[in-house]
Amino acid sequence: MLPGRAAATRTPTDSSRQVFPKGTDLSTISQTELNNVARLMNQRPRKTLGWKTPEEAMAEELAAFRSNVALEN
């Protein structure tokens, strides 16, 4: 695995450990709570994304993709 890739993977895992310690039984946590944690994690800026949030980076990628797709009438 590439060093930067390892750090990019490790950071979200470390963040989730702040909310759910290792060994937490996730089956006891509601889907709403899991969704809230995911939303919080996706709103944190990431160095690997040029200090954009994952939501911002994904929105930019989707916008670029849509602008390059030829649509037929």
C-alpha atoms as a PDB file:
ATOM      1  CA  MET A   1       0.000   0.000   0.000  1.00  0.00           C
ATOM      2  CA  LEU A   2       1.268   3.516  -0.760  1.00  0.00           C
ATOM      3  CA  PRO A   3       2.206   5.603   2.305  1.00  0.00           C
ATOM      4  CA  GLY A   4      -0.298   8.356   1.520  1.00  0.00           C
ATOM      5  CA  ARG A   5      -2.993   5.784   0.918  1.00  0.00           C
ATOM      6  CA  ALA A   6      -2.368   4.198   4.306  1.00  0.00           C
ATOM      7  CA  ALA A   7      -2.749   7.577   6.021  1.00  0.00           C
ATOM      8  CA  ALA A   8      -5.907   8.359   4.052  1.00  0.00           C
ATOM      9  CA  THR A   9      -7.410   5.070   5.182  1.00  0.00           C
ATOM     10  CA  ARG A  10      -6.178   5.364   8.749  1.00  0.00           C
ATOM     11  CA  THR A  11      -7.641   8.841   9.382  1.00  0.00           C
ATOM     12  CA  PRO A  12     -11.325   7.928   8.902  1.00  0.00           C
ATOM     13  CA  THR A  13     -10.793   4.762  10.938  1.00  0.00           C
ATOM     14  CA  ASP A  14      -9.204   6.742  13.752  1.00  0.00           C
ATOM     15  CA  SER A  15     -12.081   9.236  13.608  1.00  0.00           C
ATOM     16  CA  SER A  16     -14.667   6.497  13.889  1.00  0.00           C
ATOM     17  CA  ARG A  17     -12.804   5.102  16.926  1.00  0.00           C
ATOM     18  CA  GLN A  18     -13.375   8.438  18.677  1.00  0.00           C
ATOM     19  CA  VAL A  19     -17.118   7.780  18.469  1.00  0.00           C
ATOM     20  CA  PHE A  20     -17.176   3.983  18.587  1.00  0.00           C
ATOM     21  CA  PRO A  21     -14.269   2.458  20.538  1.00  0.00           C
ATOM     22  CA  LYS A  22     -12.722  -0.724  19.153  1.00  0.00           C
ATOM     23  CA  GLY A  23     -14.917  -3.678  20.032  1.00  0.00           C
ATOM     24  CA  THR A  24     -18.175  -1.689  20.052  1.00  0.00           C
ATOM     25  CA  ASP A  25     -21.134  -3.825  19.003  1.00  0.00           C
ATOM     26  CA  LEU A  26     -22.477  -1.777  16.091  1.00  0.00           C
ATOM     27  CA  SER A  27     -25.634  -3.901  15.964  1.00  0.00           C
ATOM     28  CA  THR A  28     -26.856  -2.025  19.049  1.00  0.00           C
ATOM     29  CA  ILE A  29     -26.543   1.375  17.361  1.00  0.00           C
ATOM     30  CA  SER A  30     -29.436   2.766  15.350  1.00  0.00           C
ATOM     31  CA  GLN A  31     -29.116   3.470  11.649  1.00  0.00           C
ATOM     32  CA  THR A  32     -29.937   7.114  12.378  1.00  0.00           C
ATOM     33  CA  GLU A  33     -26.974   7.375  14.748  1.00  0.00           C
ATOM     34  CA  LEU A  34     -24.672   5.672  12.227  1.00  0.00           C
ATOM     35  CA  ASN A  35     -25.870   8.088   9.533  1.00  0.00           C
ATOM     36  CA  ASN A  36     -25.198  11.057  11.843  1.00  0.00           C
ATOM     37  CA  VAL A  37     -21.642   9.869  12.519  1.00  0.00           C
ATOM     38  CA  ALA A  38     -21.053   9.321   8.786  1.00  0.00           C
ATOM     39  CA  ARG A  39     -22.344  12.822   8.066  1.00  0.00           C
ATOM     40  CA  LEU A  40     -19.998  14.333  10.676  1.00  0.00           C
ATOM     41  CA  MET A  41     -17.023  12.409   9.280  1.00  0.00           C
ATOM     42  CA  ASN A  42     -17.824  13.497   5.722  1.00  0.00           C
ATOM     43  CA  GLN A  43     -17.955  17.147   6.785  1.00  0.00           C
ATOM     44  CA  ARG A  44     -14.345  17.135   8.059  1.00  0.00           C
ATOM     45  CA  PRO A  45     -11.792  18.654   5.659  1.00  0.00           C
ATOM     46  CA  ARG A  46      -9.058  16.246   4.525  1.00  0.00           C
ATOM     47  CA  LYS A  47      -5.492  17.104   3.618  1.00  0.00           C
ATOM     48  CA  THR A  48      -5.568  14.464   0.853  1.00  0.00           C
ATOM     49  CA  LEU A  49      -8.475  16.363  -0.726  1.00  0.00           C
ATOM     50  CA  GLY A  50      -6.753  19.762  -0.653  1.00  0.00           C
ATOM     51  CA  TRP A  51      -8.528  20.590   2.605  1.00  0.00           C
ATOM     52  CA  LYS A  52     -11.941  20.056   1.050  1.00  0.00           C
ATOM     53  CA  THR A  53     -14.517  17.892   2.731  1.00  0.00           C
ATOM     54  CA  PRO A  54     -15.391  14.568   1.100  1.00  0.00           C
ATOM     55  CA  GLU A  55     -18.825  16.065   0.338  1.00  0.00           C
ATOM     56  CA  GLU A  56     -17.225  19.034  -1.473  1.00  0.00           C
ATOM     57  CA  ALA A  57     -14.785  16.833  -3.387  1.00  0.00           C
ATOM     58  CA  MET A  58     -17.570  14.486  -4.484  1.00  0.00           C
ATOM     59  CA  ALA A  59     -19.775  17.393  -5.568  1.00  0.00           C
ATOM     60  CA  GLU A  60     -16.918  18.770  -7.705  1.00  0.00           C
ATOM     61  CA  GLU A  61     -16.272  15.364  -9.269  1.00  0.00           C
ATOM     62  CA  LEU A  62     -19.961  14.894 -10.080  1.00  0.00           C
ATOM     63  CA  ALA A  63     -20.220  18.389 -11.565  1.00  0.00           C
ATOM     64  CA  ALA A  64     -17.163  17.761 -13.751  1.00  0.00           C
ATOM     65  CA  PHE A  65     -18.567  14.413 -14.846  1.00  0.00           C
ATOM     66  CA  ARG A  66     -21.959  15.901 -15.717  1.00  0.00           C
ATOM     67  CA  SER A  67     -20.362  18.705 -17.734  1.00  0.00           C
ATOM     68  CA  ASN A  68     -18.444  16.115 -19.810  1.00  0.00           C
ATOM     69  CA  VAL A  69     -21.394  13.831 -20.516  1.00  0.00           C
ATOM     70  CA  ALA A  70     -23.102  14.400 -23.846  1.00  0.00           C
ATOM     71  CA  LEU A  71     -26.855  14.373 -23.392  1.00  0.00           C
ATOM     72  CA  GLU A  72     -29.195  13.458 -26.194  1.00  0.00           C
ATOM     73  CA  ASN A  73     -32.505  15.235 -26.686  1.00  0.00           C
END
